[in-house]
Protein backbone atom coordinates (compact mmCIF):
# COMPACT_ATOMS: atom_id res chain seq x y z
CA UNK A 1 49.66 58.56 3.11
CA UNK A 2 51.59 61.65 2.12
CA UNK A 3 55.16 61.62 0.84
CA UNK A 4 57.99 62.07 3.31
CA UNK A 5 61.74 62.41 3.21
CA UNK A 6 64.41 60.44 5.02
CA UNK A 7 65.32 62.05 8.31
CA UNK A 8 67.70 61.39 11.16
CA UNK A 9 66.52 60.30 14.59
CA UNK A 10 67.45 63.76 15.87
CA UNK A 11 65.31 65.48 13.23
CA UNK A 12 62.42 63.17 14.01
CA UNK A 13 62.79 63.85 17.72
CA UNK A 14 62.70 67.61 17.10
CA UNK A 15 59.55 67.26 15.03
CA UNK A 16 57.88 65.21 17.76
CA UNK A 17 58.83 67.82 20.36
CA UNK A 18 57.30 70.50 18.14
CA UNK A 19 53.90 68.83 18.38
CA UNK A 20 53.87 69.08 22.16
CA UNK A 21 52.18 65.68 22.59
CA UNK A 22 54.89 63.76 24.43
CA UNK A 23 53.83 62.74 27.94
CA UNK A 24 50.29 64.05 27.45
CA UNK A 25 47.22 62.11 28.51
CA UNK A 26 44.65 60.18 26.52
CA UNK A 27 42.44 62.16 24.15
CA UNK A 28 39.21 61.01 22.56
CA UNK A 29 40.20 62.48 19.18
CA UNK A 30 42.85 59.73 18.95
CA UNK A 31 41.10 57.10 21.03
CA UNK A 32 38.08 57.03 18.70
CA UNK A 33 40.42 56.06 15.86
CA UNK A 34 42.16 53.25 17.72
CA UNK A 35 38.85 52.03 19.14
CA UNK A 36 37.36 51.82 15.65
CA UNK A 37 40.50 50.16 14.26
CA UNK A 38 40.46 47.52 16.97
CA UNK A 39 36.79 46.83 16.28
CA UNK A 40 37.09 46.73 12.49
CA UNK A 41 40.15 44.50 12.38
CA UNK A 42 39.35 42.33 15.38
CA UNK A 43 42.86 42.64 16.81
CA UNK A 44 44.15 42.59 20.36
CA UNK A 45 45.63 46.09 20.18
CA UNK A 46 45.34 49.25 18.09
CA UNK A 47 47.70 52.07 19.10
CA UNK A 48 48.85 55.53 18.12
CA UNK A 49 52.57 55.71 18.95
CA UNK A 50 54.81 58.76 18.74
CA UNK A 51 58.37 57.82 17.74
CA UNK A 52 60.93 60.26 19.09
CA UNK A 53 64.69 60.34 18.95
CA UNK A 54 65.18 57.31 21.18
CA UNK A 55 61.79 56.50 22.67
CA UNK A 56 58.31 55.42 21.62
CA UNK A 57 55.45 57.15 23.45
CA UNK A 58 52.02 55.52 23.34
CA UNK A 59 49.47 58.30 22.86
CA UNK A 60 46.37 56.13 22.38
CA UNK A 61 45.70 52.60 23.64
CA UNK A 62 42.76 50.46 24.82
CA UNK A 63 41.16 51.30 28.15
CA UNK A 64 42.98 49.66 31.03
CA UNK A 65 46.42 49.73 29.40
CA UNK A 66 49.04 51.98 30.98
CA UNK A 67 51.95 51.85 28.52
CA UNK A 68 53.83 55.14 28.35
CA UNK A 69 57.39 55.04 26.98
CA UNK A 70 59.11 52.10 25.30
CA UNK A 71 62.81 52.12 24.33
CA UNK A 72 63.96 51.41 20.82
CA UNK A 73 64.54 47.71 20.15
CA UNK A 74 61.28 46.64 21.81
CA UNK A 75 58.53 47.36 19.28
CA UNK A 76 57.93 47.53 15.55
CA UNK A 77 57.06 51.22 15.19
CA UNK A 78 60.64 52.45 14.97
CA UNK A 79 60.87 50.42 11.75
CA UNK A 80 57.55 51.71 10.40
CA UNK A 81 58.62 55.36 10.49
CA UNK A 82 61.75 54.54 8.49
CA UNK A 83 59.91 53.21 5.46
CA UNK A 84 57.35 54.44 2.96
CA UNK A 85 53.83 53.17 3.42
CA UNK A 86 52.35 50.36 5.46
CA UNK A 87 54.56 47.85 7.26
CA UNK A 88 52.86 44.48 7.62
CA UNK A 89 54.36 41.49 9.41
CA UNK A 90 52.16 38.41 9.12
CA UNK A 91 54.04 36.32 11.68
CA UNK A 92 56.82 38.09 13.53
CA UNK A 93 57.87 34.92 15.36
CA UNK A 94 58.77 33.37 12.00
CA UNK A 95 60.60 36.47 10.72
CA UNK A 96 64.24 36.68 11.88
CA UNK A 97 64.20 40.47 11.45
CA UNK A 98 61.62 40.88 14.22
CA UNK A 99 61.43 37.61 16.17
CA UNK A 100 63.73 38.92 18.90
CA UNK A 101 61.68 42.02 19.73
CA UNK A 102 60.16 42.10 23.21
CA UNK A 103 56.72 42.57 21.68
CA UNK A 104 57.13 39.02 20.35
CA UNK A 105 59.23 37.30 23.00
CA UNK A 106 57.68 38.90 26.11
CA UNK A 107 54.15 39.78 25.02
CA UNK A 108 53.41 37.07 22.47
CA UNK A 109 52.55 39.33 19.54
CA UNK A 110 52.72 37.67 16.15
CA UNK A 111 50.93 40.01 13.74
CA UNK A 112 51.74 43.67 13.21
CA UNK A 113 50.56 46.27 10.71
CA UNK A 114 51.37 49.96 10.96
CA UNK A 115 51.28 53.09 8.85
CA UNK A 116 53.67 56.03 9.32
CA UNK A 117 52.13 59.40 10.18
CA UNK A 118 53.92 62.54 9.05
CA UNK A 119 53.96 66.16 10.10
CA UNK A 120 53.64 69.02 7.64
CA UNK A 121 57.40 69.24 7.01
CA UNK A 122 57.53 65.58 5.98
CA UNK A 123 59.05 63.79 8.96
CA UNK A 124 57.35 60.52 9.93
CA UNK A 125 56.87 60.95 13.67
CA UNK A 126 54.17 58.45 14.63
CA UNK A 127 52.28 55.33 13.66
CA UNK A 128 48.79 53.97 13.72
CA UNK A 129 49.38 50.27 14.31
CA UNK A 130 47.64 46.95 14.91
CA UNK A 131 48.91 44.04 17.01
CA UNK A 132 47.53 40.55 17.44
CA UNK A 133 48.67 37.33 19.09
CA UNK A 134 47.76 35.26 16.03
CA UNK A 135 49.37 35.37 12.58
CA UNK A 136 47.20 36.94 9.89
CA UNK A 137 47.33 38.81 6.59
CA UNK A 138 45.45 41.93 5.51
CA UNK A 139 43.60 41.83 2.22
CA UNK A 140 43.44 44.79 -0.14
CA UNK A 141 40.32 46.32 1.41
CA UNK A 142 41.76 46.01 4.90
CA UNK A 143 44.99 47.68 3.86
CA UNK A 144 42.96 50.49 2.30
CA UNK A 145 40.97 50.93 5.50
CA UNK A 146 44.11 51.05 7.64
CA UNK A 147 45.60 53.66 5.31
CA UNK A 148 42.46 55.80 5.63
CA UNK A 149 42.39 55.48 9.39
CA UNK A 150 46.04 56.50 9.30
CA UNK A 151 45.19 59.63 7.31
CA UNK A 152 42.61 60.47 9.96
CA UNK A 153 45.15 60.06 12.76
CA UNK A 154 47.71 62.04 10.76
CA UNK A 155 45.24 64.91 10.30
CA UNK A 156 44.70 64.99 14.06
CA UNK A 157 48.46 65.10 14.64
CA UNK A 158 48.83 67.99 12.24
CA UNK A 159 46.32 70.12 14.13
CA UNK A 160 49.08 70.36 16.76
CA UNK A 161 51.80 71.24 14.24
CA UNK A 162 52.55 74.98 14.11
CA UNK A 163 54.09 74.47 10.66
CA UNK A 164 50.93 72.97 9.14
CA UNK A 165 49.74 74.95 6.09
CA UNK A 166 46.51 76.91 6.18
CA UNK A 167 43.35 75.21 4.97
CA UNK A 168 41.79 76.24 1.66
CA UNK A 169 38.17 76.93 2.52
CA UNK A 170 37.30 78.23 -0.95
CA UNK A 171 38.01 74.85 -2.52
CA UNK A 172 35.27 73.28 -0.42
CA UNK A 173 32.87 76.19 -0.77
CA UNK A 174 33.25 76.16 -4.54
CA UNK A 175 32.44 72.45 -4.65
CA UNK A 176 29.22 73.00 -2.71
CA UNK A 177 27.85 76.35 -3.78
CA UNK A 178 29.68 77.58 -6.87
CA UNK A 179 31.92 79.80 -4.82
CA UNK A 180 29.30 81.30 -2.52
CA UNK A 181 31.12 82.91 0.37
CA UNK A 182 30.06 83.10 4.00
CA UNK A 183 31.38 86.31 5.52
CA UNK A 184 31.20 86.34 9.28
CA UNK A 185 31.86 89.13 11.70
CA UNK A 186 33.40 87.68 14.82
CA UNK A 187 35.44 88.83 17.75
CA UNK A 188 36.06 85.51 19.45
CA UNK A 189 33.32 85.96 22.04
CA UNK A 190 31.02 83.08 23.00
CA UNK A 191 27.72 83.13 21.15
CA UNK A 192 24.39 81.49 21.89
CA UNK A 193 21.27 80.88 19.87
CA UNK A 194 17.93 79.37 20.82
CA UNK A 195 14.64 78.64 19.11
CA UNK A 196 11.38 76.94 20.03
CA UNK A 197 9.28 75.14 17.47
CA UNK A 198 6.18 73.40 18.72
CA UNK A 199 7.18 71.18 21.63
CA UNK A 200 10.90 71.19 20.72
CA UNK A 201 13.49 73.66 21.97
CA UNK A 202 16.93 73.98 20.40
CA UNK A 203 19.86 75.86 21.87
CA UNK A 204 23.51 76.17 20.85
CA UNK A 205 26.72 77.49 22.36
CA UNK A 206 29.87 78.36 20.42
CA UNK A 207 33.14 79.33 22.12
CA UNK A 208 35.83 79.91 19.48
CA UNK A 209 39.47 79.40 20.31
CA UNK A 210 40.39 82.30 18.01
CA UNK A 211 38.16 84.86 16.38
CA UNK A 212 36.22 82.32 14.32
CA UNK A 213 35.31 78.79 15.38
CA UNK A 214 36.39 75.78 13.34
CA UNK A 215 33.17 74.09 14.43
CA UNK A 216 29.65 74.92 13.31
CA UNK A 217 26.18 73.85 14.38
CA UNK A 218 22.87 74.69 12.77
CA UNK A 219 19.25 73.70 12.44
CA UNK A 220 16.55 74.10 9.81
CA UNK A 221 12.84 73.29 9.69
CA UNK A 222 10.54 72.24 6.87
CA UNK A 223 6.97 71.23 7.71
CA UNK A 224 7.25 68.41 10.29
CA UNK A 225 10.99 67.87 9.80
CA UNK A 226 13.66 69.46 11.96
CA UNK A 227 17.26 69.14 10.75
CA UNK A 228 20.16 69.50 13.19
CA UNK A 229 23.87 69.32 12.39
CA UNK A 230 27.21 69.75 14.12
CA UNK A 231 30.38 69.76 12.00
CA UNK A 232 33.90 69.77 13.48
CA UNK A 233 36.77 70.40 11.07
CA UNK A 234 40.23 69.14 11.99
CA UNK A 235 41.74 72.57 12.28
CA UNK A 236 41.12 75.97 13.81
CA UNK A 237 40.48 79.47 12.58
CA UNK A 238 38.64 81.18 9.76
CA UNK A 239 39.29 78.62 7.03
CA UNK A 240 38.21 75.73 9.24
CA UNK A 241 35.11 77.66 10.21
CA UNK A 242 34.29 78.40 6.58
CA UNK A 243 34.64 74.71 5.71
CA UNK A 244 32.35 73.74 8.60
CA UNK A 245 29.70 76.23 7.48
CA UNK A 246 30.00 75.08 3.87
CA UNK A 247 29.50 71.48 5.01
CA UNK A 248 26.35 72.48 6.86
CA UNK A 249 25.10 74.40 3.82
CA UNK A 250 25.51 71.27 1.74
CA UNK A 251 23.64 69.12 4.26
CA UNK A 252 20.79 71.59 4.74
CA UNK A 253 20.06 72.17 1.07
CA UNK A 254 16.87 70.07 1.21
CA UNK A 255 15.51 69.24 4.69
CA UNK A 256 13.43 66.40 3.25
CA UNK A 257 16.55 64.44 2.25
CA UNK A 258 17.28 61.45 4.53
CA UNK A 259 20.53 61.97 6.48
CA UNK A 260 22.43 59.11 4.81
CA UNK A 261 21.55 60.41 1.36
CA UNK A 262 22.45 64.00 2.28
CA UNK A 263 25.86 62.94 3.59
CA UNK A 264 26.44 60.69 0.56
CA UNK A 265 25.81 63.58 -1.83
CA UNK A 266 28.06 65.87 0.16
CA UNK A 267 30.86 63.29 0.24
CA UNK A 268 30.73 63.10 -3.55
CA UNK A 269 31.00 66.89 -3.78
CA UNK A 270 33.62 67.71 -1.18
CA UNK A 271 35.36 64.44 -0.34
CA UNK A 272 38.16 64.88 -2.92
CA UNK A 273 38.73 68.50 -1.85
CA UNK A 274 38.94 67.55 1.81
CA UNK A 275 41.37 64.71 1.07
CA UNK A 276 43.66 67.06 -0.86
CA UNK A 277 44.34 69.09 2.26
CA UNK A 278 43.67 66.60 5.08
CA UNK A 279 40.72 68.72 6.18
CA UNK A 280 38.56 65.82 7.27
CA UNK A 281 35.38 66.75 9.10
CA UNK A 282 33.49 64.83 11.74
CA UNK A 283 29.74 65.33 11.49
CA UNK A 284 26.57 64.56 13.40
CA UNK A 285 23.60 65.10 11.08
CA UNK A 286 20.03 64.24 12.05
CA UNK A 287 16.43 64.75 10.94
CA UNK A 288 13.67 64.71 13.56
CA UNK A 289 10.07 64.00 12.64
CA UNK A 290 8.43 66.32 15.15
CA UNK A 291 5.12 64.42 15.07
CA UNK A 292 6.32 60.82 15.43
CA UNK A 293 9.49 61.56 17.40
CA UNK A 294 11.61 59.49 14.99
CA UNK A 295 15.14 60.84 14.75
CA UNK A 296 17.22 59.50 11.85
CA UNK A 297 20.91 60.32 12.01
CA UNK A 298 24.33 59.77 10.51
CA UNK A 299 27.41 59.99 12.69
CA UNK A 300 30.52 60.51 10.56
CA UNK A 301 33.45 59.87 12.89
CA UNK A 302 31.94 62.13 15.57
CA UNK A 303 30.65 59.90 18.37
CA UNK A 304 29.97 62.75 20.82
CA UNK A 305 26.18 62.75 20.86
CA UNK A 306 24.01 61.55 23.75
CA UNK A 307 20.33 60.63 23.87
CA UNK A 308 19.21 61.29 27.44
CA UNK A 309 15.75 59.93 28.24
CA UNK A 310 13.34 61.28 30.81
CA UNK A 311 13.68 58.10 32.90
CA UNK A 312 17.44 58.63 33.37
CA UNK A 313 18.80 56.32 30.66
CA UNK A 314 21.64 57.45 28.41
CA UNK A 315 22.75 56.22 24.98
CA UNK A 316 25.75 57.42 22.97
CA UNK A 317 24.90 57.74 19.29
CA UNK A 318 27.87 56.57 17.25
CA UNK A 319 28.72 54.36 14.30
CA UNK A 320 31.51 52.78 12.29
CA UNK A 321 31.54 55.65 9.79
CA UNK A 322 34.74 57.54 9.04
CA UNK A 323 34.77 61.36 8.91
CA UNK A 324 33.60 63.24 5.84
CA UNK A 325 36.36 62.97 3.25
CA UNK A 326 37.44 59.44 4.18
CA UNK A 327 34.59 57.20 2.99
CA UNK A 328 35.88 53.98 1.45
CA UNK A 329 35.39 53.76 -2.31
CA UNK A 330 31.98 52.25 -2.97
CA UNK A 331 31.11 52.46 0.72
CA UNK A 332 27.81 53.53 2.20
CA UNK A 333 27.00 55.64 5.21
CA UNK A 334 25.70 53.70 8.18
CA UNK A 335 22.65 55.44 9.65
CA UNK A 336 20.70 55.05 12.87
CA UNK A 337 17.23 55.74 14.23
CA UNK A 338 15.92 56.43 17.71
CA UNK A 339 12.59 57.59 19.13
CA UNK A 340 12.70 60.87 21.02
CA UNK A 341 9.91 61.37 23.55
CA UNK A 342 8.65 64.06 25.87
CA UNK A 343 11.28 64.94 28.48
CA UNK A 344 14.18 63.59 26.39
CA UNK A 345 17.33 65.49 25.53
CA UNK A 346 19.77 65.21 22.63
CA UNK A 347 23.14 66.83 23.30
CA UNK A 348 26.02 66.86 20.82
CA UNK A 349 29.37 68.57 21.36
CA UNK A 350 32.65 69.12 19.57
CA UNK A 351 36.01 67.73 20.72
CA UNK A 352 36.88 70.97 22.49
CA UNK A 353 34.10 70.44 25.02
CA UNK A 354 35.86 67.28 26.22
CA UNK A 355 39.03 69.29 26.84
CA UNK A 356 37.16 71.22 29.52
CA UNK A 357 37.13 67.94 31.48
CA UNK A 358 39.77 65.24 30.89
CA UNK A 359 39.71 65.07 27.05
CA UNK A 360 38.52 61.44 27.05
CA UNK A 361 35.16 59.87 26.34
CA UNK A 362 34.52 59.81 30.09
CA UNK A 363 33.95 63.56 29.81
CA UNK A 364 30.54 62.85 28.30
CA UNK A 365 29.45 61.31 31.59
CA UNK A 366 30.28 64.55 33.38
CA UNK A 367 28.57 66.59 30.68
CA UNK A 368 25.45 64.47 31.07
CA UNK A 369 25.43 64.91 34.83
CA UNK A 370 25.78 68.67 34.55
CA UNK A 371 23.09 68.95 31.88
CA UNK A 372 20.62 66.89 33.92
CA UNK A 373 21.38 68.90 37.05
CA UNK A 374 21.01 72.28 35.33
CA UNK A 375 17.78 74.21 35.74
CA UNK A 376 17.72 74.88 32.01
CA UNK A 377 19.97 74.86 28.93
CA UNK A 378 21.15 78.40 29.68
CA UNK A 379 22.43 77.34 33.10
CA UNK A 380 24.21 74.38 31.53
CA UNK A 381 25.88 76.68 28.99
CA UNK A 382 26.88 79.08 31.79
CA UNK A 383 28.63 76.27 33.65
CA UNK A 384 30.32 74.96 30.51
CA UNK A 385 31.57 78.45 29.59
CA UNK A 386 33.12 78.87 33.05
CA UNK A 387 34.70 75.41 32.88
CA UNK A 388 36.23 76.18 29.46
CA UNK A 389 37.75 79.41 30.78
CA UNK A 390 39.16 77.67 33.86
CA UNK A 391 40.77 74.86 31.88
CA UNK A 392 42.36 77.08 29.21
CA UNK A 393 40.97 74.90 26.42
CA UNK A 394 42.99 75.41 23.23
CA UNK A 395 40.27 74.27 20.84
CA UNK A 396 36.92 75.49 19.64
CA UNK A 397 33.96 74.42 21.79
CA UNK A 398 30.48 73.90 20.37
CA UNK A 399 27.43 72.37 22.06
CA UNK A 400 23.94 71.81 20.67
CA UNK A 401 21.01 70.73 22.87
CA UNK A 402 17.59 69.57 21.68
CA UNK A 403 14.89 69.28 24.35
CA UNK A 404 11.45 67.74 23.83
CA UNK A 405 8.74 69.19 26.05
């Protein structure tokens, strides 16, 4: 995690207020992190908590929980933000410093591990934390994973920080293409593209929050292979958009490369640059064999892709992968494979599309219903564009639809 300086509770509270996240609802961009953390560590709870001047606000929690504000003196997170690095308590009931907290006495929690999350000006304002009812101890690899998940959550927090520094797109572009630039004329208007190749139709919609979107989607074809990609940079504006396009350039260099290998090569090139500036990028990258219908894919922290079959079934394509820039040292990219048949749809969207609904993963269910009900992809995009305008979405929105005829 990044360095921070000691601050007063009042300074921390002001920094939390600056983010504008207090008393806001659940958002998938945080929930995907806590969901993955809970799965990977096998704990009862994984939370993102904002720590204000005198209150702890739970921003992300498991489905079914309804915790909102907790006063100081109840939980561990107020201690986490006051120290450097990870706070781990193997057995809080046996530790006199924490045994009297309500989390232990009232809720039976024994194990806690949390990392402080800072804003751009250095104040630790939040935590990504794990709770369990049984004592345990994290090994070195587990601590490393929690730190990386914390950097992911911290990057998401900083997208709401008006004091966050601008991203350096050239650093990423140089790593991929020896400094090749990608000038783009844009006025902030929604744009659409569509192409038909054989019995496959592809269509995309991009609605930038500013003049240039921080998302990017693209496709490329080589013989019987069709490559599709959506990249979503944690940030907005021209630099984020340039990074997203550079990521796609790196993935589309050779359409014959299997998705896991393409993402591995790109991670080696740009991972260090992304980590330097917390510009992590979620990616859905897939290669479709247009003759066999086999679609091989890698989901890097994205999780917003649906396979809709002609018979009405729906599958969310996701994985345990972290975003581009956060792969564990020596780790490998988990890949998946599905068969796409006549009448099937693949739809993948960026986080901003969820904000046109309720910002949670449940939004995908509504997106699916609207796509299935639409006469065609254009009608679906029309409805999504109207919904985005009505909900005043403050993020870039990108959608990519693949239809097999």
